[in-house]
């Protein structure tokens, strides 16, 4: 560990949130663009509102519980767990998480695996689990891996869900569902009628510490699901609106460009154009919303990093579950 890391001025690894010094040394321009873009998202308000003439569908979002039980779960119609139910991924550990989820009073429960849930992927399954041949009893919990399902709710409402655990390689052979970039397993994979997408990996540049998958991001642009629930990056926890517009495109292009550092960023370069586009399209979007459409007019999407674990502490956040009404 270097001196700056020991002093807390630089992060120790890419899985920790960047410090201010990290941001400034990497790219002051990109850091500024992130702050401006988040301001525009805040000014634009909630991405959508439930229909007024029907009962809202309340979705309780979880991820990265790592063998922990979330107590005081909020009421809702659907519980989604976006992977890493366990630490070691043994059949016994997974069964305990399934038993907990199945006992919840919510009408529907849906899970996908995470990289730690090795039993779900035969390639990463523990030798003892392979020898025993034991299987998980899913009870009333729906498990998705590269497949879709439709769930029914009150007032005749339905939601189309698609789930998959695949993620860019980040560990050894005991990690499940890994692929090696630049492999892109996502292209053309998600059904166009998907309302709720559940993955373990985040898409690139959205609550991901720059560790998400660019191929998944491209696929989300194609499908535009109303809600995307994921986890994996513990410090990325939270929610972010996505509008799939020119402001978002310029933002993602800016962050995808090579970082300029303290010197190059202050000299005219191509990424200045992307930064200017973020400001131009962001101002236009905010003005159009408030001058032409009015409050409550948004028709966008929401991304939720539902990670419940506080960094690598093994502890669960207070109010760990995140709730979305759709």
Protein backbone atom coordinates (compact mmCIF):
# COMPACT_ATOMS: atom_id res chain seq x y z
CA UNK A 1 0.00 0.00 0.00
CA UNK A 2 1.40 3.39 -1.00
CA UNK A 3 1.59 6.42 1.27
CA UNK A 4 -1.37 8.18 -0.37
CA UNK A 5 -3.49 5.07 0.02
CA UNK A 6 -2.42 4.69 3.64
CA UNK A 7 -3.43 8.30 4.26
CA UNK A 8 -6.80 7.67 2.62
CA UNK A 9 -6.09 10.04 -0.27
CA UNK A 10 -6.15 7.32 -2.94
CA UNK A 11 -8.36 4.25 -3.08
CA UNK A 12 -6.64 0.89 -2.50
CA UNK A 13 -8.33 -0.93 -5.40
CA UNK A 14 -10.89 -0.36 -8.20
CA UNK A 15 -13.70 -1.87 -6.09
CA UNK A 16 -13.55 1.02 -3.62
CA UNK A 17 -15.08 4.43 -4.40
CA UNK A 18 -12.61 6.93 -5.88
CA UNK A 19 -11.40 9.74 -3.66
CA UNK A 20 -11.41 13.35 -4.80
CA UNK A 21 -7.70 13.05 -5.58
CA UNK A 22 -8.36 9.92 -7.65
CA UNK A 23 -10.92 11.83 -9.71
CA UNK A 24 -8.66 14.83 -10.22
CA UNK A 25 -5.59 12.82 -11.18
CA UNK A 26 -7.54 10.64 -13.60
CA UNK A 27 -9.67 13.26 -15.33
CA UNK A 28 -10.94 16.55 -13.86
CA UNK A 29 -13.10 16.98 -16.96
CA UNK A 30 -14.87 13.64 -16.59
CA UNK A 31 -15.37 14.26 -12.86
CA UNK A 32 -16.99 17.61 -13.65
CA UNK A 33 -19.21 16.00 -16.28
CA UNK A 34 -20.39 13.37 -13.78
CA UNK A 35 -21.37 16.09 -11.30
CA UNK A 36 -23.18 18.12 -13.97
CA UNK A 37 -24.99 15.07 -15.32
CA UNK A 38 -26.17 14.06 -11.84
CA UNK A 39 -27.46 17.61 -11.33
CA UNK A 40 -29.49 17.39 -14.53
CA UNK A 41 -30.96 14.05 -13.42
CA UNK A 42 -31.98 15.59 -10.09
CA UNK A 43 -33.61 18.56 -11.84
CA UNK A 44 -35.55 16.27 -14.17
CA UNK A 45 -37.18 14.51 -11.22
CA UNK A 46 -38.65 11.03 -10.98
CA UNK A 47 -38.24 8.99 -14.18
CA UNK A 48 -41.85 7.75 -14.15
CA UNK A 49 -44.98 7.52 -12.05
CA UNK A 50 -47.31 4.54 -11.62
CA UNK A 51 -50.59 4.70 -13.56
CA UNK A 52 -53.28 6.68 -11.75
CA UNK A 53 -56.15 4.39 -12.65
CA UNK A 54 -54.56 1.15 -11.40
CA UNK A 55 -52.86 -0.07 -8.27
CA UNK A 56 -49.08 0.45 -8.35
CA UNK A 57 -46.83 -2.60 -8.44
CA UNK A 58 -44.38 -2.30 -5.56
CA UNK A 59 -41.02 -3.95 -6.23
CA UNK A 60 -38.57 -4.62 -3.39
CA UNK A 61 -35.01 -4.79 -4.72
CA UNK A 62 -32.12 -6.71 -3.14
CA UNK A 63 -28.65 -7.86 -4.16
CA UNK A 64 -25.39 -8.93 -2.54
CA UNK A 65 -26.79 -10.18 0.75
CA UNK A 66 -23.86 -12.64 1.03
CA UNK A 67 -25.54 -15.07 3.47
CA UNK A 68 -27.10 -12.24 5.50
CA UNK A 69 -30.81 -11.91 6.21
CA UNK A 70 -32.45 -8.54 5.60
CA UNK A 71 -34.83 -7.91 8.47
CA UNK A 72 -37.78 -5.50 8.38
CA UNK A 73 -38.39 -6.04 4.70
CA UNK A 74 -40.71 -3.42 3.18
CA UNK A 75 -44.14 -4.51 2.02
CA UNK A 76 -44.56 -5.06 -1.69
CA UNK A 77 -45.82 -7.22 -4.51
CA UNK A 78 -42.52 -8.50 -5.90
CA UNK A 79 -39.12 -9.19 -4.36
CA UNK A 80 -36.15 -9.23 -6.75
CA UNK A 81 -32.74 -10.48 -5.63
CA UNK A 82 -30.07 -9.62 -8.21
CA UNK A 83 -27.46 -12.16 -7.18
CA UNK A 84 -24.72 -12.94 -4.66
CA UNK A 85 -27.13 -14.49 -2.21
CA UNK A 86 -24.12 -16.18 -0.60
CA UNK A 87 -20.36 -15.94 -0.09
CA UNK A 88 -19.26 -19.48 -0.95
CA UNK A 89 -22.17 -20.58 -3.13
CA UNK A 90 -22.67 -24.02 -1.59
CA UNK A 91 -26.00 -25.77 -1.94
CA UNK A 92 -26.61 -25.42 1.82
CA UNK A 93 -25.88 -21.69 1.84
CA UNK A 94 -28.10 -21.07 -1.17
CA UNK A 95 -30.91 -23.13 0.34
CA UNK A 96 -30.87 -21.00 3.49
CA UNK A 97 -31.32 -17.85 1.40
CA UNK A 98 -34.11 -19.48 -0.62
CA UNK A 99 -35.87 -20.52 2.60
CA UNK A 100 -35.73 -16.94 3.87
CA UNK A 101 -37.04 -15.46 0.61
CA UNK A 102 -39.76 -18.07 0.28
CA UNK A 103 -41.06 -17.25 3.76
CA UNK A 104 -41.60 -13.58 2.87
CA UNK A 105 -45.25 -12.55 2.43
CA UNK A 106 -44.72 -10.90 -0.96
CA UNK A 107 -46.75 -12.35 -3.84
CA UNK A 108 -43.78 -13.04 -6.14
CA UNK A 109 -40.06 -13.62 -5.50
CA UNK A 110 -37.50 -13.68 -8.31
CA UNK A 111 -33.77 -14.34 -8.06
CA UNK A 112 -30.74 -14.62 -10.29
CA UNK A 113 -27.30 -15.88 -9.32
CA UNK A 114 -24.21 -13.79 -8.70
CA UNK A 115 -20.57 -14.66 -9.20
CA UNK A 116 -20.35 -15.91 -5.59
CA UNK A 117 -23.30 -18.28 -6.05
CA UNK A 118 -21.16 -21.00 -7.58
CA UNK A 119 -23.67 -23.87 -7.30
CA UNK A 120 -25.81 -22.38 -10.09
CA UNK A 121 -22.99 -22.71 -12.64
CA UNK A 122 -21.79 -26.30 -13.15
CA UNK A 123 -18.36 -24.98 -14.18
CA UNK A 124 -17.83 -23.30 -10.81
CA UNK A 125 -19.76 -25.68 -8.53
CA UNK A 126 -17.87 -26.83 -5.43
CA UNK A 127 -16.45 -30.40 -5.66
CA UNK A 128 -18.43 -31.48 -2.59
CA UNK A 129 -21.67 -30.27 -4.18
CA UNK A 130 -20.83 -32.07 -7.42
CA UNK A 131 -20.19 -35.31 -5.53
CA UNK A 132 -23.35 -35.09 -3.46
CA UNK A 133 -25.58 -34.27 -6.43
CA UNK A 134 -27.87 -32.35 -4.10
CA UNK A 135 -30.15 -29.75 -5.59
CA UNK A 136 -31.72 -26.55 -4.37
CA UNK A 137 -35.43 -26.61 -3.57
CA UNK A 138 -36.65 -23.30 -4.98
CA UNK A 139 -40.08 -23.67 -3.36
CA UNK A 140 -42.08 -20.58 -4.39
CA UNK A 141 -39.06 -18.61 -5.64
CA UNK A 142 -38.56 -18.09 -9.38
CA UNK A 143 -34.98 -18.52 -10.63
CA UNK A 144 -33.97 -16.85 -13.90
CA UNK A 145 -30.86 -17.50 -15.97
CA UNK A 146 -31.04 -16.31 -19.55
CA UNK A 147 -34.80 -16.70 -19.62
CA UNK A 148 -37.94 -14.58 -19.34
CA UNK A 149 -41.20 -14.85 -17.47
CA UNK A 150 -44.44 -12.91 -17.08
CA UNK A 151 -45.93 -12.22 -13.66
CA UNK A 152 -49.53 -11.25 -12.90
CA UNK A 153 -50.54 -8.53 -10.44
CA UNK A 154 -53.68 -6.79 -9.21
CA UNK A 155 -56.00 -4.95 -11.63
CA UNK A 156 -54.95 -7.25 -14.45
CA UNK A 157 -51.46 -5.79 -14.64
CA UNK A 158 -48.52 -7.86 -15.87
CA UNK A 159 -44.76 -7.46 -15.91
CA UNK A 160 -42.35 -9.14 -18.30
CA UNK A 161 -39.07 -9.99 -16.59
CA UNK A 162 -35.76 -11.21 -17.96
CA UNK A 163 -32.84 -12.32 -15.81
CA UNK A 164 -29.24 -13.39 -16.38
CA UNK A 165 -26.22 -13.60 -14.08
CA UNK A 166 -23.42 -13.31 -16.67
CA UNK A 167 -20.70 -10.80 -15.80
CA UNK A 168 -17.19 -9.77 -16.89
CA UNK A 169 -14.52 -12.00 -15.37
CA UNK A 170 -13.48 -10.78 -11.93
CA UNK A 171 -12.14 -13.85 -10.12
CA UNK A 172 -11.07 -17.47 -10.25
CA UNK A 173 -12.75 -20.61 -11.52
CA UNK A 174 -14.99 -20.73 -8.44
CA UNK A 175 -16.82 -17.59 -9.62
CA UNK A 176 -19.98 -18.30 -11.60
CA UNK A 177 -21.11 -17.15 -15.05
CA UNK A 178 -17.98 -15.21 -15.98
CA UNK A 179 -17.06 -14.15 -19.49
CA UNK A 180 -13.86 -12.52 -20.65
CA UNK A 181 -14.01 -9.11 -22.34
CA UNK A 182 -14.17 -8.21 -25.17
CA UNK A 183 -16.64 -11.12 -25.37
CA UNK A 184 -20.17 -9.72 -25.46
CA UNK A 185 -22.83 -12.31 -24.60
CA UNK A 186 -25.60 -9.69 -24.45
CA UNK A 187 -26.12 -8.67 -28.08
CA UNK A 188 -29.70 -9.38 -29.16
CA UNK A 189 -30.32 -11.45 -26.05
CA UNK A 190 -32.94 -9.53 -24.06
CA UNK A 191 -36.55 -9.64 -25.34
CA UNK A 192 -37.83 -6.32 -26.65
CA UNK A 193 -40.94 -6.55 -24.46
CA UNK A 194 -38.87 -6.73 -21.26
CA UNK A 195 -40.28 -4.44 -18.55
CA UNK A 196 -37.92 -5.45 -15.74
CA UNK A 197 -34.35 -6.54 -16.41
CA UNK A 198 -32.40 -8.32 -13.67
CA UNK A 199 -28.64 -8.80 -14.03
CA UNK A 200 -25.83 -9.15 -11.55
CA UNK A 201 -23.39 -6.91 -13.38
CA UNK A 202 -24.18 -3.23 -13.87
CA UNK A 203 -24.03 -1.65 -17.30
CA UNK A 204 -21.00 0.52 -17.92
CA UNK A 205 -21.02 4.06 -16.48
CA UNK A 206 -24.11 3.69 -14.32
CA UNK A 207 -23.56 3.05 -10.59
CA UNK A 208 -20.67 0.73 -11.44
CA UNK A 209 -17.34 2.41 -10.48
CA UNK A 210 -16.46 2.02 -14.20
CA UNK A 211 -16.49 -1.79 -13.77
CA UNK A 212 -19.77 -2.52 -15.55
CA UNK A 213 -20.25 -4.15 -18.93
CA UNK A 214 -20.31 -1.97 -22.09
CA UNK A 215 -21.98 -4.78 -24.04
CA UNK A 216 -24.85 -4.84 -21.54
CA UNK A 217 -25.16 -1.06 -21.84
CA UNK A 218 -25.52 -1.32 -25.62
CA UNK A 219 -28.20 -3.99 -25.23
CA UNK A 220 -30.11 -1.85 -22.74
CA UNK A 221 -30.13 1.00 -25.26
CA UNK A 222 -31.75 -1.41 -27.72
CA UNK A 223 -34.41 -2.74 -25.34
CA UNK A 224 -34.96 0.19 -22.94
CA UNK A 225 -36.55 -1.73 -20.03
CA UNK A 226 -38.57 0.33 -17.59
CA UNK A 227 -36.58 -0.99 -14.62
CA UNK A 228 -33.12 -2.55 -14.42
CA UNK A 229 -32.09 -4.14 -11.12
CA UNK A 230 -28.47 -5.23 -10.56
CA UNK A 231 -25.79 -5.38 -7.88
CA UNK A 232 -22.19 -6.67 -7.79
CA UNK A 233 -20.56 -3.27 -7.19
CA UNK A 234 -21.28 -2.72 -3.51
CA UNK A 235 -20.24 0.93 -3.43
CA UNK A 236 -22.42 1.68 -6.46
CA UNK A 237 -25.59 1.19 -4.41
CA UNK A 238 -28.42 3.55 -5.28
CA UNK A 239 -30.78 4.57 -8.06
CA UNK A 240 -30.30 6.46 -11.31
CA UNK A 241 -32.77 7.64 -13.93
CA UNK A 242 -32.01 6.87 -17.56
CA UNK A 243 -33.65 8.71 -20.46
CA UNK A 244 -31.88 7.15 -23.45
CA UNK A 245 -31.48 10.60 -24.98
CA UNK A 246 -28.67 12.69 -26.43
CA UNK A 247 -27.62 13.95 -23.00
CA UNK A 248 -27.10 10.41 -21.75
CA UNK A 249 -25.32 9.43 -24.97
CA UNK A 250 -22.91 12.35 -24.68
CA UNK A 251 -22.30 11.52 -21.01
CA UNK A 252 -21.44 7.90 -21.77
CA UNK A 253 -19.25 8.92 -24.72
CA UNK A 254 -17.36 11.38 -22.53
CA UNK A 255 -16.67 8.79 -19.85
CA UNK A 256 -15.68 6.20 -22.47
CA UNK A 257 -12.95 8.50 -23.82
CA UNK A 258 -9.39 8.07 -22.53
CA UNK A 259 -8.89 10.13 -19.35
CA UNK A 260 -6.74 13.20 -19.87
CA UNK A 261 -5.30 13.72 -16.42
CA UNK A 262 -4.44 17.03 -14.80
CA UNK A 263 -2.67 18.45 -17.85
CA UNK A 264 -4.40 17.28 -21.03
CA UNK A 265 -7.91 17.87 -19.68
CA UNK A 266 -7.21 21.60 -19.41
CA UNK A 267 -6.07 21.83 -23.03
CA UNK A 268 -8.62 21.86 -25.87
CA UNK A 269 -9.36 18.27 -26.90
CA UNK A 270 -12.17 16.20 -28.40
CA UNK A 271 -13.70 15.35 -25.05
CA UNK A 272 -14.51 19.01 -24.50
CA UNK A 273 -17.09 18.57 -27.27
CA UNK A 274 -18.72 15.68 -25.41
CA UNK A 275 -18.78 17.72 -22.20
CA UNK A 276 -20.39 20.67 -24.00
CA UNK A 277 -23.00 18.31 -25.46
CA UNK A 278 -23.87 17.04 -21.98
CA UNK A 279 -24.50 20.63 -20.84
CA UNK A 280 -26.37 21.63 -24.01
CA UNK A 281 -28.68 18.62 -24.14
CA UNK A 282 -29.12 18.60 -20.37
CA UNK A 283 -30.25 22.24 -20.26
CA UNK A 284 -32.60 21.61 -23.19
CA UNK A 285 -34.11 18.57 -21.45
CA UNK A 286 -34.71 20.44 -18.18
CA UNK A 287 -36.24 23.47 -19.92
CA UNK A 288 -38.44 21.32 -22.16
CA UNK A 289 -39.73 19.38 -19.16
CA UNK A 290 -40.71 22.41 -17.09
CA UNK A 291 -41.76 24.82 -19.86
CA UNK A 292 -43.54 22.41 -22.21
CA UNK A 293 -44.52 19.25 -20.35
CA UNK A 294 -44.84 20.10 -16.67
CA UNK A 295 -44.26 18.09 -13.48
CA UNK A 296 -44.94 14.37 -13.53
CA UNK A 297 -44.46 14.16 -17.29
CA UNK A 298 -41.36 11.96 -17.42
CA UNK A 299 -41.49 8.68 -19.30
CA UNK A 300 -38.01 7.32 -18.63
CA UNK A 301 -36.43 4.28 -16.98
CA UNK A 302 -34.75 3.54 -13.68
CA UNK A 303 -31.57 1.66 -12.83
CA UNK A 304 -31.22 0.28 -9.30
CA UNK A 305 -27.97 -0.99 -7.85
CA UNK A 306 -29.63 -2.98 -5.09
CA UNK A 307 -26.47 -4.07 -3.25
CA UNK A 308 -27.21 -4.55 0.45
CA UNK A 309 -23.64 -5.00 1.74
CA UNK A 310 -21.58 -2.05 2.94
CA UNK A 311 -18.42 -2.27 0.85
CA UNK A 312 -16.39 -5.31 1.86
CA UNK A 313 -17.34 -5.11 5.54
CA UNK A 314 -19.79 -8.01 5.44
CA UNK A 315 -22.37 -5.79 7.13
CA UNK A 316 -25.80 -4.98 5.74
CA UNK A 317 -27.07 -1.45 5.20
CA UNK A 318 -29.85 -0.17 7.39
CA UNK A 319 -33.00 -0.11 5.27
CA UNK A 320 -31.10 -2.36 2.90
CA UNK A 321 -33.98 -3.08 0.53
CA UNK A 322 -34.83 -0.45 -2.08
CA UNK A 323 -38.45 0.02 -3.14
CA UNK A 324 -39.72 1.02 -6.58
CA UNK A 325 -43.37 1.61 -7.50
CA UNK A 326 -44.10 0.99 -11.15
